[in-house]
């Protein structure tokens, strides 16, 4: 085997600008590993702890279940669309928003996921500096370089790190739960902290918003599936299975320790000795999984918009993300969740309505910009914003999805009625 062949195998095409051919699709195990390794992360455990701390154990678990079921329905349908045609998110969105109109939604989501890359890279540095006497900025830079290098390998790297990260999290998560359980507090009867309450539907939104961005861009991952069934199975492995496991582990730790913390890394480091080094490896692998997924989403999106290669954008966006992380963007974690819960869910909902309901028999890219999806997106996001400020105990994500779906259906129906007379006249 020549060196050029080795390089070609290592850096295979990522199909930034075209559909993935059927003969290049991945196995069910590979596609499932891509998704299962993404949500089974420390951030999920921290979110689960927050819900249990604010709602109590039983209601917190119920919020996790509902949020994950909603994610499965939303991401699962988008995943099946991705596998059907082999299109990435940008190509998928162009069928609904238009040849140029897609750039708005794609640029937004591709930028948001780079924000998540920065948040998680920053979390790596903060976690390490909190446990050891090391520089946060130094760790952020080193971790960021590792995460960028991983993403440069493309979709195959996401599958491999998923196969490593998920089992490692499961083993160490169970270990952390067993350690926390030694405190002797009854987990199931934990009522939460009255000083930090969370409205139930807000908790459901937090679960959904945690993966609203990459979940909407799921086609970047599931376009590699051989068929829609494989894409649905891969999604189910992530939501509810992997995501729920991570959240429940965090919730149990929070209830058992009465602290509201689901810091799996902190529990392991606290044991000291050789286990500490295992914790360090776990931290970099676990957050490396989510960072590489987010950077991949952003790179695929921006490469299609700019007409460049995925690996070129990985390098550029990676540097931007590392700088942002070093500047402390991780401090705005909750702000990202709130933003995602308002403006992102309508995007995927409108794509589903367009390609599965209103234009399911013909979704050709027939114009540069289609006004219908933008109008529905604006209406859905506006409704979510109203709920956010006027009815703060309700779900912004669910509101945005329902209103945008109804708005798109009505606008599409109205536009088809208006177009009918001209069609008749031409005949």
Protein backbone atom coordinates (compact mmCIF):
# COMPACT_ATOMS: atom_id res chain seq x y z
CA UNK A 1 0.00 0.00 0.00
CA UNK A 2 1.48 3.35 -1.07
CA UNK A 3 1.65 6.42 1.21
CA UNK A 4 -0.97 8.23 -0.91
CA UNK A 5 -3.36 5.30 -0.44
CA UNK A 6 -2.80 5.38 3.32
CA UNK A 7 -3.50 9.13 3.38
CA UNK A 8 -6.63 8.64 1.31
CA UNK A 9 -7.90 5.98 3.72
CA UNK A 10 -7.08 8.14 6.72
CA UNK A 11 -8.61 11.33 5.30
CA UNK A 12 -11.53 10.03 3.28
CA UNK A 13 -14.01 12.40 1.63
CA UNK A 14 -16.53 14.00 4.00
CA UNK A 15 -18.94 14.90 1.16
CA UNK A 16 -19.36 18.51 2.22
CA UNK A 17 -21.07 19.50 -1.02
CA UNK A 18 -22.88 16.35 -2.16
CA UNK A 19 -24.85 13.38 -0.89
CA UNK A 20 -22.97 10.41 0.58
CA UNK A 21 -23.09 7.58 -2.00
CA UNK A 22 -24.73 4.35 -0.87
CA UNK A 23 -21.48 2.42 -1.27
CA UNK A 24 -19.78 4.80 1.19
CA UNK A 25 -22.38 4.49 3.94
CA UNK A 26 -21.31 3.12 7.35
CA UNK A 27 -22.48 0.10 9.34
CA UNK A 28 -25.21 0.31 11.97
CA UNK A 29 -22.61 -0.07 14.72
CA UNK A 30 -20.53 2.77 13.32
CA UNK A 31 -23.43 5.22 12.97
CA UNK A 32 -24.81 4.25 16.38
CA UNK A 33 -21.39 4.82 17.95
CA UNK A 34 -21.31 8.30 16.44
CA UNK A 35 -24.52 9.28 18.22
CA UNK A 36 -24.27 7.24 21.44
CA UNK A 37 -20.90 8.75 22.34
CA UNK A 38 -22.18 12.30 21.98
CA UNK A 39 -24.79 12.72 24.78
CA UNK A 40 -23.30 10.36 27.37
CA UNK A 41 -21.13 13.13 28.77
CA UNK A 42 -20.29 15.03 31.94
CA UNK A 43 -22.48 17.95 30.83
CA UNK A 44 -25.49 15.62 30.70
CA UNK A 45 -24.79 14.48 34.26
CA UNK A 46 -24.52 18.08 35.43
CA UNK A 47 -27.84 18.89 33.74
CA UNK A 48 -29.49 15.86 35.36
CA UNK A 49 -28.20 17.00 38.76
CA UNK A 50 -29.63 20.48 38.17
CA UNK A 51 -33.06 19.05 37.38
CA UNK A 52 -33.15 16.76 40.41
CA UNK A 53 -31.87 19.56 42.64
CA UNK A 54 -34.64 21.85 41.44
CA UNK A 55 -37.54 19.40 41.08
CA UNK A 56 -36.76 16.52 43.40
CA UNK A 57 -35.72 13.06 42.23
CA UNK A 58 -39.02 11.67 40.88
CA UNK A 59 -40.16 14.80 39.06
CA UNK A 60 -36.61 15.36 37.80
CA UNK A 61 -36.54 11.88 36.27
CA UNK A 62 -39.95 12.51 34.66
CA UNK A 63 -38.67 15.75 33.09
CA UNK A 64 -35.65 13.85 31.75
CA UNK A 65 -37.92 11.20 30.22
CA UNK A 66 -40.24 13.69 28.53
CA UNK A 67 -37.37 15.79 27.22
CA UNK A 68 -35.64 12.74 25.76
CA UNK A 69 -38.81 11.39 24.17
CA UNK A 70 -39.28 14.79 22.54
CA UNK A 71 -35.66 14.70 21.34
CA UNK A 72 -36.10 11.21 19.90
CA UNK A 73 -39.18 12.23 17.91
CA UNK A 74 -37.56 15.43 16.63
CA UNK A 75 -34.03 14.19 15.96
CA UNK A 76 -35.21 10.75 14.82
CA UNK A 77 -37.35 12.13 12.00
CA UNK A 78 -34.61 14.49 10.86
CA UNK A 79 -32.14 11.58 11.01
CA UNK A 80 -34.31 9.43 8.79
CA UNK A 81 -34.53 12.27 6.25
CA UNK A 82 -30.74 12.52 6.29
CA UNK A 83 -30.29 8.80 5.65
CA UNK A 84 -32.91 8.79 2.90
CA UNK A 85 -30.95 11.07 0.58
CA UNK A 86 -27.49 11.09 2.16
CA UNK A 87 -27.57 14.88 2.47
CA UNK A 88 -25.87 16.84 5.23
CA UNK A 89 -27.82 19.51 7.13
CA UNK A 90 -26.96 22.33 4.71
CA UNK A 91 -28.16 20.34 1.71
CA UNK A 92 -31.22 19.24 3.67
CA UNK A 93 -32.05 22.82 4.67
CA UNK A 94 -31.57 24.14 1.13
CA UNK A 95 -34.57 22.08 -0.02
CA UNK A 96 -36.75 23.96 2.44
CA UNK A 97 -35.17 27.43 2.69
CA UNK A 98 -33.87 27.72 -0.88
CA UNK A 99 -30.55 27.60 -2.71
CA UNK A 100 -29.26 30.66 -0.82
CA UNK A 101 -31.80 30.91 1.97
CA UNK A 102 -30.38 27.85 3.74
CA UNK A 103 -27.28 29.87 4.59
CA UNK A 104 -29.14 31.73 7.34
CA UNK A 105 -30.13 28.64 9.32
CA UNK A 106 -26.92 26.79 8.51
CA UNK A 107 -24.69 29.70 9.52
CA UNK A 108 -26.64 30.18 12.75
CA UNK A 109 -26.44 26.54 13.82
CA UNK A 110 -22.87 26.10 12.61
CA UNK A 111 -21.87 29.08 14.75
CA UNK A 112 -23.81 27.91 17.80
CA UNK A 113 -22.09 24.53 17.80
CA UNK A 114 -18.71 26.24 17.69
CA UNK A 115 -19.90 28.05 20.80
CA UNK A 116 -20.52 24.66 22.37
CA UNK A 117 -17.05 23.54 21.29
CA UNK A 118 -15.66 26.56 23.15
CA UNK A 119 -17.83 25.90 26.21
CA UNK A 120 -16.75 22.28 26.52
CA UNK A 121 -13.09 23.05 25.82
CA UNK A 122 -13.25 25.71 28.53
CA UNK A 123 -14.91 23.21 30.88
CA UNK A 124 -11.92 20.91 30.35
CA UNK A 125 -9.55 23.60 31.57
CA UNK A 126 -11.74 24.62 34.50
CA UNK A 127 -12.21 21.02 35.65
CA UNK A 128 -8.48 20.34 35.53
CA UNK A 129 -7.50 23.57 37.28
CA UNK A 130 -10.12 22.93 39.95
CA UNK A 131 -8.69 19.50 40.70
CA UNK A 132 -4.99 20.19 40.19
CA UNK A 133 -2.64 23.16 40.44
CA UNK A 134 -2.47 23.84 36.70
CA UNK A 135 -3.14 26.79 34.42
CA UNK A 136 -6.68 26.85 33.01
CA UNK A 137 -5.56 28.58 29.83
CA UNK A 138 -2.75 26.07 29.24
CA UNK A 139 -5.11 23.12 29.59
CA UNK A 140 -7.66 24.82 27.34
CA UNK A 141 -5.07 25.25 24.58
CA UNK A 142 -3.71 21.70 24.89
CA UNK A 143 -7.20 20.18 25.02
CA UNK A 144 -8.35 22.32 22.10
CA UNK A 145 -5.44 21.19 19.93
CA UNK A 146 -6.25 17.55 20.76
CA UNK A 147 -9.94 18.03 19.93
CA UNK A 148 -9.15 19.76 16.63
CA UNK A 149 -6.72 17.01 15.61
CA UNK A 150 -9.38 14.42 16.39
CA UNK A 151 -11.99 16.19 14.26
CA UNK A 152 -9.59 16.43 11.31
CA UNK A 153 -9.88 12.66 10.96
CA UNK A 154 -13.54 13.12 10.06
CA UNK A 155 -16.60 10.98 10.63
CA UNK A 156 -14.61 7.82 11.39
CA UNK A 157 -13.01 9.55 14.41
CA UNK A 158 -16.45 10.38 15.83
CA UNK A 159 -17.37 6.72 15.66
CA UNK A 160 -14.14 5.53 17.28
CA UNK A 161 -14.20 8.01 20.16
CA UNK A 162 -17.86 7.18 20.72
CA UNK A 163 -16.97 3.52 21.15
CA UNK A 164 -14.42 4.50 23.80
CA UNK A 165 -16.21 7.36 25.54
CA UNK A 166 -19.62 5.77 26.15
CA UNK A 167 -18.41 2.56 27.91
CA UNK A 168 -15.86 4.57 29.91
CA UNK A 169 -18.54 6.99 31.08
CA UNK A 170 -20.88 4.14 31.99
CA UNK A 171 -18.24 2.36 34.10
CA UNK A 172 -17.00 5.47 35.87
CA UNK A 173 -20.52 6.83 36.21
CA UNK A 174 -21.64 3.70 38.06
CA UNK A 175 -18.51 3.92 40.18
CA UNK A 176 -19.32 7.54 41.05
CA UNK A 177 -22.89 6.64 41.95
CA UNK A 178 -21.71 3.87 44.25
CA UNK A 179 -19.32 6.28 45.96
CA UNK A 180 -21.99 8.94 46.36
CA UNK A 181 -24.48 6.38 47.70
CA UNK A 182 -22.20 5.82 50.71
CA UNK A 183 -23.49 9.09 52.12
CA UNK A 184 -26.57 7.13 53.14
CA UNK A 185 -29.19 9.60 51.91
CA UNK A 186 -32.38 8.17 50.40
CA UNK A 187 -32.24 9.00 46.69
CA UNK A 188 -35.82 8.26 45.62
CA UNK A 189 -37.33 10.43 48.36
CA UNK A 190 -35.08 13.43 47.69
CA UNK A 191 -37.41 16.43 47.39
CA UNK A 192 -34.94 18.88 45.90
CA UNK A 193 -33.74 22.24 47.18
CA UNK A 194 -36.53 24.70 47.86
CA UNK A 195 -34.09 27.59 47.37
CA UNK A 196 -33.33 26.54 43.76
CA UNK A 197 -36.70 25.55 42.25
CA UNK A 198 -37.19 24.88 38.53
CA UNK A 199 -40.55 24.92 36.76
CA UNK A 200 -41.30 21.46 35.35
CA UNK A 201 -41.70 22.52 31.71
CA UNK A 202 -38.61 24.67 31.93
CA UNK A 203 -36.76 21.53 33.00
CA UNK A 204 -38.11 19.69 29.95
CA UNK A 205 -36.85 22.55 27.78
CA UNK A 206 -33.39 22.31 29.36
CA UNK A 207 -33.23 18.62 28.43
CA UNK A 208 -34.29 19.35 24.86
CA UNK A 209 -32.11 22.43 24.45
CA UNK A 210 -28.98 20.55 25.49
CA UNK A 211 -28.93 18.90 22.04
CA UNK A 212 -31.26 21.15 20.07
CA UNK A 213 -28.45 22.45 17.84
CA UNK A 214 -26.58 19.27 16.90
CA UNK A 215 -29.88 17.39 17.04
CA UNK A 216 -31.22 19.68 14.31
CA UNK A 217 -27.99 19.09 12.36
CA UNK A 218 -28.23 15.31 12.85
CA UNK A 219 -28.12 14.74 9.09
CA UNK A 220 -24.39 15.51 9.24
CA UNK A 221 -24.07 12.23 11.17
CA UNK A 222 -26.94 10.05 9.96
CA UNK A 223 -26.42 10.71 6.24
CA UNK A 224 -23.81 7.99 6.67
CA UNK A 225 -26.48 5.41 7.67
CA UNK A 226 -27.44 2.79 5.10
CA UNK A 227 -31.16 3.47 5.53
CA UNK A 228 -33.76 5.25 7.64
CA UNK A 229 -34.16 2.33 10.02
CA UNK A 230 -30.47 2.41 10.93
CA UNK A 231 -30.68 6.18 11.41
CA UNK A 232 -33.65 5.80 13.78
CA UNK A 233 -31.88 3.10 15.80
CA UNK A 234 -28.77 5.29 16.11
CA UNK A 235 -30.91 8.18 17.30
CA UNK A 236 -32.72 6.00 19.84
CA UNK A 237 -29.35 4.91 21.23
CA UNK A 238 -28.66 8.58 21.92
CA UNK A 239 -32.16 9.71 22.94
CA UNK A 240 -33.35 8.45 25.28
CA UNK A 241 -30.75 5.77 26.09
CA UNK A 242 -27.32 7.49 26.32
CA UNK A 243 -28.59 10.93 27.27
CA UNK A 244 -30.94 9.55 29.93
CA UNK A 245 -28.20 7.38 31.46
CA UNK A 246 -25.92 10.40 31.81
CA UNK A 247 -28.66 12.55 33.33
CA UNK A 248 -29.87 9.88 35.75
CA UNK A 249 -26.31 9.30 36.97
CA UNK A 250 -25.97 13.02 37.66
CA UNK A 251 -29.38 13.09 39.33
CA UNK A 252 -28.56 10.19 41.63
CA UNK A 253 -25.26 11.80 42.68
CA UNK A 254 -27.06 15.08 43.40
CA UNK A 255 -29.74 13.35 45.49
CA UNK A 256 -27.30 11.10 47.34
CA UNK A 257 -24.94 13.92 48.28
CA UNK A 258 -27.61 16.62 48.81
CA UNK A 259 -25.29 19.03 46.99
CA UNK A 260 -27.02 19.48 43.65
CA UNK A 261 -23.79 18.51 41.92
CA UNK A 262 -23.49 15.75 39.33
CA UNK A 263 -19.75 16.18 38.82
CA UNK A 264 -18.65 12.66 37.93
CA UNK A 265 -15.09 13.87 37.34
CA UNK A 266 -14.94 15.53 40.77
CA UNK A 267 -16.17 12.41 42.56
CA UNK A 268 -13.48 10.27 40.92
CA UNK A 269 -10.66 12.77 41.47
CA UNK A 270 -11.70 13.07 45.10
CA UNK A 271 -10.67 9.44 45.69
CA UNK A 272 -7.03 10.28 44.94
CA UNK A 273 -4.30 7.80 44.04
CA UNK A 274 -4.13 6.01 40.70
CA UNK A 275 -7.84 6.64 40.11
CA UNK A 276 -6.96 10.30 39.57
CA UNK A 277 -5.13 9.52 36.33
CA UNK A 278 -8.09 7.50 35.12
CA UNK A 279 -10.25 10.53 35.83
CA UNK A 280 -7.97 12.74 33.72
CA UNK A 281 -8.13 10.34 30.77
CA UNK A 282 -11.90 10.14 31.22
CA UNK A 283 -12.25 13.94 31.19
CA UNK A 284 -10.32 14.40 27.94
CA UNK A 285 -12.00 11.47 26.17
CA UNK A 286 -15.50 12.38 27.35
CA UNK A 287 -15.34 16.08 26.55
CA UNK A 288 -13.30 15.27 23.46
CA UNK A 289 -16.30 13.34 22.18
CA UNK A 290 -18.71 16.26 22.46
CA UNK A 291 -16.15 18.78 21.21
CA UNK A 292 -15.27 16.79 18.11
CA UNK A 293 -18.95 16.30 17.28
CA UNK A 294 -19.71 20.01 17.64
CA UNK A 295 -16.65 21.06 15.65
CA UNK A 296 -17.54 18.55 12.93
CA UNK A 297 -21.07 20.00 12.67
CA UNK A 298 -19.70 23.52 12.43
CA UNK A 299 -16.99 22.61 9.93
CA UNK A 300 -19.36 20.73 7.61
CA UNK A 301 -21.85 23.61 7.73
CA UNK A 302 -19.40 26.42 7.12
CA UNK A 303 -17.47 24.46 4.47
CA UNK A 304 -20.66 24.12 2.44
CA UNK A 305 -21.50 27.80 2.86
CA UNK A 306 -18.01 28.97 1.88
CA UNK A 307 -17.33 26.30 -0.75
CA UNK A 308 -14.25 25.02 1.08
CA UNK A 309 -13.20 21.68 2.57
CA UNK A 310 -14.39 20.39 5.94
CA UNK A 311 -10.85 20.01 7.23
CA UNK A 312 -9.93 23.57 6.27
CA UNK A 313 -12.87 24.90 8.26
CA UNK A 314 -12.09 22.52 11.14
CA UNK A 315 -8.70 24.15 11.52
CA UNK A 316 -10.04 27.72 11.23
CA UNK A 317 -13.05 27.24 13.48
CA UNK A 318 -10.99 25.22 15.94
CA UNK A 319 -8.61 28.13 16.47
CA UNK A 320 -11.56 30.51 16.95
CA UNK A 321 -13.12 28.10 19.47
CA UNK A 322 -9.90 27.67 21.43
CA UNK A 323 -9.44 31.45 21.70
CA UNK A 324 -13.06 31.86 22.80
CA UNK A 325 -12.62 29.14 25.41
CA UNK A 326 -9.45 30.74 26.75
CA UNK A 327 -11.38 34.00 27.11
CA UNK A 328 -13.95 32.30 29.35
CA UNK A 329 -17.01 31.76 27.15
CA UNK A 330 -17.88 28.69 29.24
CA UNK A 331 -19.30 31.13 31.81
CA UNK A 332 -22.28 31.68 29.51
CA UNK A 333 -23.41 28.04 29.57
CA UNK A 334 -26.97 28.71 30.75
CA UNK A 335 -27.33 31.62 28.32
CA UNK A 336 -26.58 29.28 25.41
CA UNK A 337 -29.27 26.88 26.60
CA UNK A 338 -31.87 29.63 26.83
CA UNK A 339 -31.02 30.92 23.35
CA UNK A 340 -31.18 27.45 21.82
CA UNK A 341 -34.54 26.72 23.42
CA UNK A 342 -36.06 29.73 21.68
CA UNK A 343 -34.68 30.00 18.14
CA UNK A 344 -33.44 26.53 17.13
CA UNK A 345 -36.39 24.06 17.47
CA UNK A 346 -38.54 25.86 14.85
CA UNK A 347 -35.84 25.27 12.20
CA UNK A 348 -35.98 21.49 12.31
CA UNK A 349 -39.74 21.53 12.79
CA UNK A 350 -40.22 23.56 9.60
CA UNK A 351 -37.93 21.22 7.64
CA UNK A 352 -39.99 18.26 8.84
CA UNK A 353 -43.28 19.96 7.99
CA UNK A 354 -41.99 20.90 4.55
CA UNK A 355 -40.45 17.57 3.57
CA UNK A 356 -42.88 15.21 5.30
CA UNK A 357 -46.19 17.08 5.10
CA UNK A 358 -46.72 20.12 2.88
CA UNK A 359 -44.34 19.24 0.00
CA UNK A 360 -43.58 15.59 0.62
CA UNK A 361 -44.12 14.66 -3.04
CA UNK A 362 -41.91 17.45 -4.40
CA UNK A 363 -39.16 19.13 -2.41
CA UNK A 364 -37.07 20.33 -5.33
CA UNK A 365 -34.87 23.39 -4.78
CA UNK A 366 -36.93 25.68 -6.99
CA UNK A 367 -35.77 29.14 -5.90
CA UNK A 368 -32.95 31.01 -4.17
CA UNK A 369 -35.02 32.01 -1.14
CA UNK A 370 -38.41 30.66 -0.02
CA UNK A 371 -40.19 33.17 2.21
CA UNK A 372 -42.60 30.64 3.79
CA UNK A 373 -40.10 28.93 6.13
CA UNK A 374 -38.60 32.25 7.22
CA UNK A 375 -42.03 33.65 8.06
CA UNK A 376 -42.93 30.52 10.06
CA UNK A 377 -39.55 30.57 11.79
CA UNK A 378 -40.07 34.18 12.84
CA UNK A 379 -43.58 33.48 14.12
CA UNK A 380 -42.49 30.38 16.04
CA UNK A 381 -39.49 32.11 17.62
CA UNK A 382 -41.59 35.15 18.52
CA UNK A 383 -44.12 32.90 20.25
CA UNK A 384 -41.31 31.18 22.15
CA UNK A 385 -39.90 34.55 23.23
CA UNK A 386 -43.32 35.66 24.48
CA UNK A 387 -43.58 32.48 26.53
CA UNK A 388 -40.04 32.98 27.82
CA UNK A 389 -40.84 36.44 29.22
CA UNK A 390 -44.59 36.33 29.92
CA UNK A 391 -45.11 32.68 30.88
CA UNK A 392 -41.71 31.63 32.29
CA UNK A 393 -43.01 28.37 33.76
CA UNK A 394 -43.88 26.98 30.31
CA UNK A 395 -41.68 25.39 27.64
CA UNK A 396 -40.22 27.72 25.04
CA UNK A 397 -39.05 24.77 22.92
CA UNK A 398 -42.45 23.08 22.71
CA UNK A 399 -44.18 26.40 22.06
CA UNK A 400 -41.78 27.30 19.27
CA UNK A 401 -42.17 23.90 17.62
CA UNK A 402 -45.98 23.83 17.75
CA UNK A 403 -46.46 27.42 16.61
CA UNK A 404 -43.88 27.21 13.80
CA UNK A 405 -45.41 23.96 12.54
CA UNK A 406 -48.91 25.46 12.48
CA UNK A 407 -47.63 28.70 10.92
CA UNK A 408 -45.74 26.90 8.17
CA UNK A 409 -48.73 24.73 7.33
CA UNK A 410 -51.03 27.76 7.10
CA UNK A 411 -48.57 29.86 5.10
CA UNK A 412 -47.89 26.97 2.70
CA UNK A 413 -51.60 26.34 2.24
CA UNK A 414 -52.25 30.04 1.60
CA UNK A 415 -49.40 30.32 -0.93
CA UNK A 416 -50.59 27.21 -2.80
CA UNK A 417 -54.12 28.65 -3.03
CA UNK A 418 -52.77 31.96 -4.38
CA UNK A 419 -50.65 30.12 -6.95
CA UNK A 420 -53.55 27.97 -8.22
CA UNK A 421 -55.27 30.58 -10.46
CA UNK A 422 -52.09 31.31 -12.43
CA UNK A 423 -51.49 27.59 -12.92
CA UNK A 424 -55.05 27.19 -14.21
CA UNK A 425 -54.63 30.19 -16.53
CA UNK A 426 -51.50 28.74 -18.12
CA UNK A 427 -53.30 25.49 -18.78
